[in-house]
Amino acid sequence: MIERASPSDRAFLAMDTGEPPEQFGVVLLLDRAEGLGAEKVASLIAERLRAVPRLRRRLVRAPFGCGGPLWVDDPAFDVGEHVSAVCCPSPGDERALLDTALSVITRRLPRRAPLWAAVLVTGLAGGGRALVLVLHHALADGVGGLAVLADLVDSADRSPAARFPRPAPNRAALARDAWANRLGSLSRAGRSWYLLRESMRAGGGVRPPRATVSSLNRRTGPRRRLTVVRADLAAVRSAAHRHEATVNDLVLVAVAAALRMVLLDRGDTVDAFTVTVPVSGRGSGGGADLGNMVSPLLVTVPATGALDERLRQVADQVRTGRAAATGPPPIALLGWLFRPLAAVGGYRWYMNHQHRFHTLVTHVRGPAEPVTFGGAAVTSALAIGLGPGGNIPVYFEVLSYAGTLTVTITVDPDHFPGHEDLADALRGALERTVRHLGPGDT
């Protein structure tokens, strides 16, 4: 059985040349988890990850002439090397937890092992604990990360465990597979060209309109800071659906309003923000089908004018562009060119100088009903991404879980100070937008 790293997997590995690394995490806040220690977490994960084969596989190079790298079972796999515990510094509040989780997620995962880690955070106020799952983007995207969680929580409907370890394919099999892939690529050349044109169109084209010049696009450094904003998911959904829009459309409108308010206070006026929205091309497959399967969709989000008109404009753009963005991303389709350039810092250079977009907003849907881990109730779930870096000092990770919409704002505090002001502005923008567009709107 030959499982190659996909072009997107390889692209994210090539992009991972600096700080912060191409990693992301999900934080689960656990209630009444006093008896849950690192050994118990490791035991639970060891029992359950057998249904997620990729978590016990590492990337290896194929022999010369035998194609690209492949995911193979790690015969020396030890779950204990991937699970650890840290104590949250006093006072153990949400700020301390976010700082701790960020330090865990920014710790580079070793390439010699499967590209994930799980860290139990103890010492939280009130006796609670948290579980931080860290994944490399080559292993999974945000939707794939939630699929992993679905297989790790209690009472999951798991697929049968695969035999482990499976022997790595021999050189002859790899060579035959590589040549079959090369011939297949030739036969798919026309289709690939069409997908590339569609994907580029969704991402703004080869030469998109320049995003409005502002103080927002500043060169970032290695430091990050997190804040969290929460909203009632039912209220947000009701307001959005009332205007034939989605939850994500409404969040984009609120994000633009919040950014404009903060920039105005700094004497900087931006009436519309260009936002990159990752669109998943993933089907309804389970957690075993991982890898990175997202393409960028560029959306112009107005920050002034009537709220219902702003929401309509955003919804129309997303609805029109989504189909083009569900195919392979340009970084995958142009992998033969992208990867060597990225490996020598070309991607980082481009991100430091790009004027295509102002910020990035991702949105993934978690479980609609509460789940448990090790018998402890998961009271809240947060998505944390390290973002594209470059000259994008602020971006937003949106995750819905058990009736709550949680927005994690990641900023570079050295180049976008006042992250708490932005959180307050977004909280107020969400409340005003829902109140104005919800059932009470006349």
Protein backbone atom coordinates (compact mmCIF):
# COMPACT_ATOMS: atom_id res chain seq x y z
CA MET A 1 0.00 0.00 0.00
CA ILE A 2 1.60 3.26 -1.18
CA GLU A 3 0.48 6.54 0.39
CA ARG A 4 2.30 9.47 -1.16
CA ALA A 5 2.49 12.89 0.42
CA SER A 6 0.08 14.98 -1.63
CA PRO A 7 1.28 18.06 -3.52
CA SER A 8 -0.32 20.20 -0.80
CA ASP A 9 1.41 18.22 1.95
CA ARG A 10 4.75 18.75 0.22
CA ALA A 11 4.03 22.44 -0.34
CA PHE A 12 3.46 23.04 3.37
CA LEU A 13 6.66 21.20 4.21
CA ALA A 14 8.54 23.40 1.74
CA MET A 15 6.96 26.54 3.21
CA ASP A 16 8.11 25.60 6.71
CA THR A 17 11.45 27.39 6.59
CA GLY A 18 11.20 29.96 9.39
CA GLU A 19 9.32 31.02 12.49
CA PRO A 20 6.61 30.37 13.41
CA PRO A 21 6.36 26.81 12.06
CA GLU A 22 3.52 25.64 9.79
CA GLN A 23 1.55 24.16 12.69
CA PHE A 24 -1.85 24.68 14.31
CA GLY A 25 -3.68 23.46 17.36
CA VAL A 26 -7.03 22.81 18.96
CA VAL A 27 -7.51 23.45 22.68
CA LEU A 28 -10.15 21.50 24.61
CA LEU A 29 -11.11 22.86 28.04
CA LEU A 30 -11.96 19.92 30.33
CA ASP A 31 -14.26 20.09 33.35
CA ARG A 32 -13.87 17.82 36.39
CA ALA A 33 -10.71 16.27 35.02
CA GLU A 34 -8.71 16.13 38.28
CA GLY A 35 -7.97 12.43 37.83
CA LEU A 36 -6.80 12.83 34.24
CA GLY A 37 -3.02 12.73 34.00
CA ALA A 38 -0.53 12.45 31.16
CA GLU A 39 -0.31 8.65 31.46
CA LYS A 40 -4.09 8.30 31.23
CA VAL A 41 -4.20 10.67 28.23
CA ALA A 42 -1.47 8.65 26.53
CA SER A 43 -3.34 5.41 27.23
CA LEU A 44 -6.60 6.77 25.81
CA ILE A 45 -4.93 8.16 22.70
CA ALA A 46 -2.94 4.96 22.14
CA GLU A 47 -6.16 2.97 22.23
CA ARG A 48 -7.98 5.30 19.86
CA LEU A 49 -5.40 6.40 17.32
CA ARG A 50 -5.36 2.92 15.82
CA ALA A 51 -8.39 4.13 13.86
CA VAL A 52 -6.35 7.10 12.51
CA PRO A 53 -3.43 5.48 10.65
CA ARG A 54 -1.75 8.78 9.71
CA LEU A 55 -1.00 9.50 13.39
CA ARG A 56 1.43 6.57 13.45
CA ARG A 57 3.09 7.39 10.14
CA ARG A 58 6.07 9.54 9.35
CA LEU A 59 7.26 11.07 6.11
CA VAL A 60 10.24 9.46 4.40
CA ARG A 61 12.01 10.14 1.12
CA ALA A 62 11.54 7.63 -1.66
CA PRO A 63 14.66 6.16 -3.32
CA PHE A 64 16.02 8.09 -6.29
CA GLY A 65 13.70 7.84 -9.29
CA CYS A 66 10.85 6.38 -7.22
CA GLY A 67 8.66 9.44 -6.89
CA GLY A 68 7.87 11.82 -4.08
CA PRO A 69 7.99 11.25 -0.31
CA LEU A 70 5.58 8.82 1.32
CA TRP A 71 3.79 8.27 4.57
CA VAL A 72 4.92 4.97 6.11
CA ASP A 73 4.14 3.31 9.43
CA ASP A 74 6.75 4.13 12.05
CA PRO A 75 7.75 0.75 13.54
CA ALA A 76 9.38 2.53 16.49
CA PHE A 77 6.25 4.57 17.24
CA ASP A 78 5.82 5.34 20.94
CA VAL A 79 2.77 7.35 21.94
CA GLY A 80 4.65 8.48 25.05
CA GLU A 81 6.94 10.58 22.86
CA HIS A 82 3.94 12.51 21.58
CA VAL A 83 2.00 13.04 24.83
CA SER A 84 3.24 15.24 27.67
CA ALA A 85 1.97 17.57 30.39
CA VAL A 86 2.71 21.15 31.45
CA CYS A 87 1.53 23.21 34.39
CA CYS A 88 -0.16 26.49 33.54
CA PRO A 89 1.44 29.44 35.34
CA SER A 90 -0.53 31.27 38.01
CA PRO A 91 -3.26 32.49 38.05
CA GLY A 92 -4.33 29.76 35.62
CA ASP A 93 -6.94 31.96 33.93
CA GLU A 94 -7.77 32.09 30.22
CA ARG A 95 -4.93 34.49 29.48
CA ALA A 96 -2.41 32.15 31.12
CA LEU A 97 -3.90 29.17 29.28
CA LEU A 98 -3.69 30.94 25.91
CA ASP A 99 -0.07 31.85 26.50
CA THR A 100 0.71 28.26 27.50
CA ALA A 101 -1.13 26.79 24.52
CA LEU A 102 0.69 29.17 22.18
CA SER A 103 4.08 28.14 23.55
CA VAL A 104 3.13 24.50 22.94
CA ILE A 105 1.91 25.07 19.37
CA THR A 106 4.95 27.14 18.36
CA ARG A 107 7.32 24.37 19.48
CA ARG A 108 8.50 22.79 16.25
CA LEU A 109 7.51 19.16 15.75
CA PRO A 110 10.42 16.85 14.84
CA ARG A 111 10.34 15.63 11.23
CA ARG A 112 11.76 12.22 12.18
CA ALA A 113 8.46 11.21 13.85
CA PRO A 114 4.71 11.45 13.11
CA LEU A 115 3.88 15.16 12.95
CA TRP A 116 1.64 15.67 15.97
CA ALA A 117 1.68 16.14 19.73
CA ALA A 118 -0.84 16.22 22.58
CA VAL A 119 -0.18 18.23 25.74
CA LEU A 120 -2.25 18.12 28.93
CA VAL A 121 -2.33 21.51 30.66
CA THR A 122 -2.82 21.34 34.44
CA GLY A 123 -2.99 24.07 37.07
CA LEU A 124 -5.98 25.92 35.63
CA ALA A 125 -8.14 28.06 37.91
CA GLY A 126 -10.99 26.10 39.45
CA GLY A 127 -9.22 22.77 39.03
CA GLY A 128 -9.94 22.43 35.32
CA ARG A 129 -7.53 21.05 32.75
CA ALA A 130 -7.04 21.46 29.03
CA LEU A 131 -5.84 19.25 26.22
CA VAL A 132 -3.87 20.85 23.38
CA LEU A 133 -3.61 18.86 20.15
CA VAL A 134 -0.87 20.13 17.81
CA LEU A 135 -0.70 19.13 14.14
CA HIS A 136 1.57 20.06 11.28
CA HIS A 137 -0.24 21.45 8.25
CA ALA A 138 1.29 18.68 6.14
CA LEU A 139 -0.52 16.15 8.33
CA ALA A 140 -3.94 17.78 8.22
CA ASP A 141 -5.78 21.03 7.63
CA GLY A 142 -8.30 22.48 10.10
CA VAL A 143 -11.16 20.24 8.99
CA GLY A 144 -8.86 17.21 9.09
CA GLY A 145 -7.73 18.22 12.57
CA LEU A 146 -11.32 18.13 13.80
CA ALA A 147 -11.73 14.73 12.13
CA VAL A 148 -8.79 13.54 14.25
CA LEU A 149 -10.47 14.88 17.38
CA ALA A 150 -13.68 13.09 16.43
CA ASP A 151 -11.74 9.81 16.59
CA LEU A 152 -10.04 10.64 19.89
CA VAL A 153 -12.95 11.77 22.08
CA ASP A 154 -15.13 9.40 24.08
CA SER A 155 -17.88 7.39 22.38
CA ALA A 156 -16.55 8.07 18.90
CA ASP A 157 -17.85 5.92 16.05
CA ARG A 158 -14.46 4.59 15.04
CA SER A 159 -13.49 2.69 11.95
CA PRO A 160 -11.79 -0.72 12.44
CA ALA A 161 -8.17 -0.55 13.47
CA ALA A 162 -5.68 -1.07 10.67
CA ARG A 163 -2.86 -3.62 10.95
CA PHE A 164 0.28 -1.99 12.38
CA PRO A 165 2.99 -1.68 11.37
CA ARG A 166 2.59 -2.36 7.69
CA PRO A 167 5.85 -2.97 5.83
CA ALA A 168 7.09 -0.12 3.67
CA PRO A 169 6.66 -0.73 -0.07
CA ASN A 170 9.72 -2.04 -1.89
CA ARG A 171 11.69 -0.13 -4.48
CA ALA A 172 10.17 -1.91 -7.46
CA ALA A 173 6.62 -1.14 -6.33
CA LEU A 174 7.55 2.49 -5.73
CA ALA A 175 9.13 2.80 -9.17
CA ARG A 176 6.04 1.33 -10.88
CA ASP A 177 3.78 3.65 -8.88
CA ALA A 178 5.94 6.67 -9.70
CA TRP A 179 5.83 5.98 -13.44
CA ALA A 180 2.08 5.38 -13.30
CA ASN A 181 1.68 8.75 -11.57
CA ARG A 182 3.85 10.48 -14.18
CA LEU A 183 1.84 9.03 -17.05
CA GLY A 184 -1.38 9.90 -15.27
CA SER A 185 -0.19 13.47 -14.85
CA LEU A 186 0.33 13.74 -18.59
CA SER A 187 -3.19 12.50 -19.29
CA ARG A 188 -4.59 14.95 -16.73
CA ALA A 189 -2.64 17.96 -18.00
CA GLY A 190 -5.68 19.61 -19.58
CA ARG A 191 -7.76 19.14 -16.46
CA SER A 192 -4.94 20.42 -14.25
CA TRP A 193 -4.65 23.57 -16.37
CA TYR A 194 -8.39 24.18 -15.98
CA LEU A 195 -8.21 23.65 -12.20
CA LEU A 196 -5.24 26.00 -11.97
CA ARG A 197 -7.12 28.76 -13.80
CA GLU A 198 -10.16 28.29 -11.54
CA SER A 199 -8.08 28.22 -8.37
CA MET A 200 -6.14 31.32 -9.39
CA ARG A 201 -9.40 33.09 -10.18
CA ALA A 202 -10.78 32.29 -6.72
CA GLY A 203 -7.58 33.61 -5.16
CA GLY A 204 -7.75 36.91 -7.03
CA GLY A 205 -5.93 36.01 -10.23
CA VAL A 206 -2.30 36.46 -11.20
CA ARG A 207 -2.47 40.23 -10.69
CA PRO A 208 -5.32 40.97 -8.27
CA PRO A 209 -6.33 44.51 -7.37
CA ARG A 210 -3.98 45.89 -4.72
CA ALA A 211 -5.48 45.76 -1.23
CA THR A 212 -6.05 49.20 0.23
CA VAL A 213 -2.79 50.47 1.68
CA SER A 214 -3.02 50.72 5.47
CA SER A 215 -1.04 50.36 8.65
CA LEU A 216 -2.48 46.86 8.95
CA ASN A 217 -0.01 45.28 6.53
CA ARG A 218 3.22 45.42 8.48
CA ARG A 219 6.14 43.04 8.48
CA THR A 220 5.71 40.57 11.34
CA GLY A 221 8.20 39.11 13.78
CA PRO A 222 8.21 35.78 15.63
CA ARG A 223 6.03 36.77 18.60
CA ARG A 224 2.27 36.09 18.77
CA ARG A 225 -0.50 36.95 21.21
CA LEU A 226 -3.98 35.42 21.46
CA THR A 227 -7.38 36.70 22.52
CA VAL A 228 -10.75 34.98 22.36
CA VAL A 229 -14.22 36.28 21.50
CA ARG A 230 -17.33 34.14 21.97
CA ALA A 231 -20.86 34.50 20.60
CA ASP A 232 -24.09 32.54 20.69
CA LEU A 233 -24.03 30.34 17.59
CA ALA A 234 -27.82 30.06 17.28
CA ALA A 235 -28.25 33.84 17.29
CA VAL A 236 -25.49 34.33 14.71
CA ARG A 237 -26.87 31.59 12.48
CA SER A 238 -30.43 32.93 12.73
CA ALA A 239 -29.34 36.44 11.75
CA ALA A 240 -27.24 35.16 8.85
CA HIS A 241 -29.86 32.77 7.49
CA ARG A 242 -32.51 35.45 7.69
CA HIS A 243 -30.57 37.25 4.97
CA GLU A 244 -29.69 34.10 2.97
CA ALA A 245 -26.10 34.18 4.22
CA THR A 246 -23.92 31.84 6.26
CA VAL A 247 -22.39 32.15 9.70
CA ASN A 248 -19.01 32.69 8.07
CA ASP A 249 -20.40 35.52 5.90
CA LEU A 250 -21.67 37.33 8.98
CA VAL A 251 -18.37 36.81 10.82
CA LEU A 252 -16.50 38.37 7.88
CA VAL A 253 -18.72 41.46 8.06
CA ALA A 254 -18.14 41.75 11.82
CA VAL A 255 -14.36 41.29 11.43
CA ALA A 256 -14.19 44.09 8.85
CA ALA A 257 -16.22 46.41 11.08
CA ALA A 258 -13.96 45.68 14.05
CA LEU A 259 -10.76 46.23 12.07
CA ARG A 260 -12.05 49.53 10.69
CA MET A 261 -12.94 50.75 14.19
CA VAL A 262 -9.49 49.94 15.56
CA LEU A 263 -7.68 51.49 12.58
CA LEU A 264 -9.83 54.63 12.76
CA ASP A 265 -8.69 55.15 16.34
CA ARG A 266 -5.16 55.16 14.93
CA GLY A 267 -5.99 57.69 12.24
CA ASP A 268 -6.13 55.12 9.42
CA THR A 269 -9.24 54.80 7.23
CA VAL A 270 -10.07 51.61 5.35
CA ASP A 271 -13.59 51.22 3.97
CA ALA A 272 -13.21 47.66 2.63
CA PHE A 273 -10.88 44.85 3.62
CA THR A 274 -9.56 42.11 1.37
CA VAL A 275 -9.78 38.84 3.29
CA THR A 276 -8.43 35.40 2.43
CA VAL A 277 -10.94 32.68 3.31
CA PRO A 278 -9.64 29.09 3.11
CA VAL A 279 -12.20 26.84 1.40
CA SER A 280 -12.09 23.11 2.10
CA GLY A 281 -12.10 20.70 -0.81
CA ARG A 282 -12.53 17.82 1.61
CA GLY A 283 -15.42 15.41 1.16
CA SER A 284 -17.28 13.68 3.93
CA GLY A 285 -14.50 11.13 4.52
CA GLY A 286 -13.38 10.17 7.99
CA GLY A 287 -10.32 11.01 9.99
CA ALA A 288 -8.10 8.58 8.09
CA ASP A 289 -8.30 10.81 5.00
CA LEU A 290 -6.07 13.61 6.20
CA GLY A 291 -3.60 15.93 4.50
CA ASN A 292 -4.15 19.53 3.46
CA MET A 293 -7.13 20.14 1.20
CA VAL A 294 -7.87 23.87 1.27
CA SER A 295 -7.69 26.60 -1.36
CA PRO A 296 -7.74 30.37 -0.79
CA LEU A 297 -10.76 32.46 -1.73
CA LEU A 298 -10.25 36.22 -1.84
CA VAL A 299 -13.25 38.22 -0.57
CA THR A 300 -13.67 42.00 -0.49
CA VAL A 301 -15.57 42.79 2.71
CA PRO A 302 -17.09 46.28 2.98
CA ALA A 303 -16.83 47.93 6.38
CA THR A 304 -19.24 50.82 5.78
CA GLY A 305 -22.83 51.13 4.58
CA ALA A 306 -26.01 49.31 5.59
CA LEU A 307 -25.31 46.04 7.38
CA ASP A 308 -27.77 44.01 5.33
CA GLU A 309 -26.21 45.26 2.10
CA ARG A 310 -22.71 44.47 3.35
CA LEU A 311 -23.78 40.95 4.26
CA ARG A 312 -25.45 40.47 0.88
CA GLN A 313 -22.30 41.54 -0.97
CA VAL A 314 -20.13 39.16 1.02
CA ALA A 315 -22.57 36.26 0.66
CA ASP A 316 -22.76 36.78 -3.11
CA GLN A 317 -18.95 36.78 -3.44
CA VAL A 318 -18.49 33.65 -1.36
CA ARG A 319 -21.34 31.83 -3.10
CA THR A 320 -19.92 32.67 -6.53
CA GLY A 321 -16.29 31.92 -5.73
CA ARG A 322 -16.64 28.84 -3.56
CA ALA A 323 -16.94 26.35 -6.44
CA ALA A 324 -13.71 27.59 -8.02
CA ALA A 325 -11.91 27.34 -4.66
CA THR A 326 -12.85 23.73 -3.87
CA GLY A 327 -10.21 22.26 -6.17
CA PRO A 328 -6.48 21.86 -5.54
CA PRO A 329 -4.76 25.12 -4.49
CA PRO A 330 -2.18 26.80 -6.75
CA ILE A 331 0.64 25.76 -4.39
CA ALA A 332 -0.24 22.14 -5.18
CA LEU A 333 -0.89 22.49 -8.91
CA LEU A 334 2.36 24.44 -9.34
CA GLY A 335 4.23 22.30 -6.84
CA TRP A 336 7.10 21.54 -9.22
CA LEU A 337 7.82 25.28 -9.31
CA PHE A 338 6.53 26.35 -5.88
CA ARG A 339 8.37 23.85 -3.70
CA PRO A 340 11.97 24.65 -4.72
CA LEU A 341 11.29 28.38 -4.50
CA ALA A 342 9.64 28.02 -1.08
CA ALA A 343 12.47 25.83 0.20
CA VAL A 344 14.98 28.64 -0.39
CA GLY A 345 12.74 31.27 1.24
CA GLY A 346 10.79 32.45 -1.80
CA TYR A 347 7.40 31.98 -0.14
CA ARG A 348 8.49 33.89 2.97
CA TRP A 349 9.85 36.69 0.77
CA TYR A 350 6.55 36.92 -1.12
CA MET A 351 4.51 37.02 2.10
CA ASN A 352 6.74 39.80 3.42
CA HIS A 353 5.95 41.95 0.37
CA GLN A 354 2.45 40.86 -0.71
CA HIS A 355 -0.40 43.37 -1.21
CA ARG A 356 -3.06 40.82 -2.12
CA PHE A 357 -5.00 40.76 1.19
CA HIS A 358 -5.22 42.34 4.64
CA THR A 359 -6.01 39.37 6.86
CA LEU A 360 -7.11 35.75 6.94
CA VAL A 361 -10.30 34.30 8.46
CA THR A 362 -10.72 30.52 8.76
CA HIS A 363 -13.89 28.79 9.91
CA VAL A 364 -14.34 25.15 10.86
CA ARG A 365 -17.40 23.46 12.35
CA GLY A 366 -16.91 21.37 15.44
CA PRO A 367 -19.38 18.98 17.09
CA ALA A 368 -22.88 20.38 17.52
CA GLU A 369 -23.34 18.47 20.80
CA PRO A 370 -20.99 18.44 23.80
CA VAL A 371 -18.37 15.68 23.88
CA THR A 372 -16.16 14.21 26.61
CA PHE A 373 -12.58 13.04 26.83
CA GLY A 374 -11.57 10.53 29.49
CA GLY A 375 -14.96 11.09 31.10
CA ALA A 376 -14.33 14.84 31.47
CA ALA A 377 -16.77 17.20 29.75
CA VAL A 378 -15.31 19.42 27.04
CA THR A 379 -16.73 22.80 28.01
CA SER A 380 -15.07 24.85 25.28
CA ALA A 381 -12.97 24.35 22.15
CA LEU A 382 -10.56 26.84 20.60
CA ALA A 383 -8.77 26.75 17.26
CA ILE A 384 -5.30 28.30 17.19
CA GLY A 385 -3.40 28.88 13.97
CA LEU A 386 -0.01 30.53 13.64
CA GLY A 387 -1.11 32.31 10.48
CA PRO A 388 0.70 33.10 7.23
CA GLY A 389 3.24 35.46 8.78
CA GLY A 390 4.77 37.86 6.30
CA ASN A 391 3.09 41.25 6.53
CA ILE A 392 -0.15 39.92 8.05
CA PRO A 393 0.03 40.80 11.76
CA VAL A 394 -3.57 39.83 12.63
CA TYR A 395 -5.80 36.93 11.64
CA PHE A 396 -8.83 35.05 12.93
CA GLU A 397 -9.62 31.35 13.60
CA VAL A 398 -13.34 30.60 13.99
CA LEU A 399 -14.60 27.35 15.54
CA SER A 400 -18.17 26.40 16.41
CA TYR A 401 -18.73 23.90 19.20
CA ALA A 402 -21.83 22.90 21.17
CA GLY A 403 -23.77 26.09 20.48
CA THR A 404 -20.89 28.55 20.92
CA LEU A 405 -19.02 30.38 18.18
CA THR A 406 -15.44 31.03 19.29
CA VAL A 407 -13.11 33.40 17.44
CA THR A 408 -9.43 33.19 18.32
CA ILE A 409 -7.60 36.36 17.29
CA THR A 410 -3.87 35.96 16.71
CA VAL A 411 -1.77 39.11 16.52
CA ASP A 412 1.86 40.07 16.38
CA PRO A 413 1.94 42.36 19.44
CA ASP A 414 5.07 44.12 18.21
CA HIS A 415 3.42 45.22 14.97
CA PHE A 416 -0.27 45.30 15.91
CA PRO A 417 -0.49 46.48 19.52
CA GLY A 418 -3.82 46.67 21.32
CA HIS A 419 -5.12 43.14 20.75
CA GLU A 420 -7.61 43.55 23.60
CA ASP A 421 -9.04 46.62 21.83
CA LEU A 422 -9.54 44.51 18.72
CA ALA A 423 -11.24 41.78 20.75
CA ASP A 424 -13.61 44.34 22.32
CA ALA A 425 -14.31 45.81 18.88
CA LEU A 426 -15.11 42.38 17.41
CA ARG A 427 -17.29 41.46 20.36
CA GLY A 428 -19.26 44.67 19.91
CA ALA A 429 -19.44 44.27 16.11
CA LEU A 430 -20.86 40.74 16.43
CA GLU A 431 -23.45 41.89 18.95
CA ARG A 432 -24.54 44.87 16.84
CA THR A 433 -24.64 42.84 13.63
CA VAL A 434 -26.72 40.06 15.16
CA ARG A 435 -29.04 42.54 16.86
CA HIS A 436 -29.56 44.56 13.67
CA LEU A 437 -29.93 41.62 11.28
CA GLY A 438 -31.70 39.19 13.60
CA PRO A 439 -35.42 38.58 14.06
CA GLY A 440 -35.86 41.96 15.76
CA ASP A 441 -34.78 43.80 12.59
CA THR A 442 -37.72 45.59 10.92
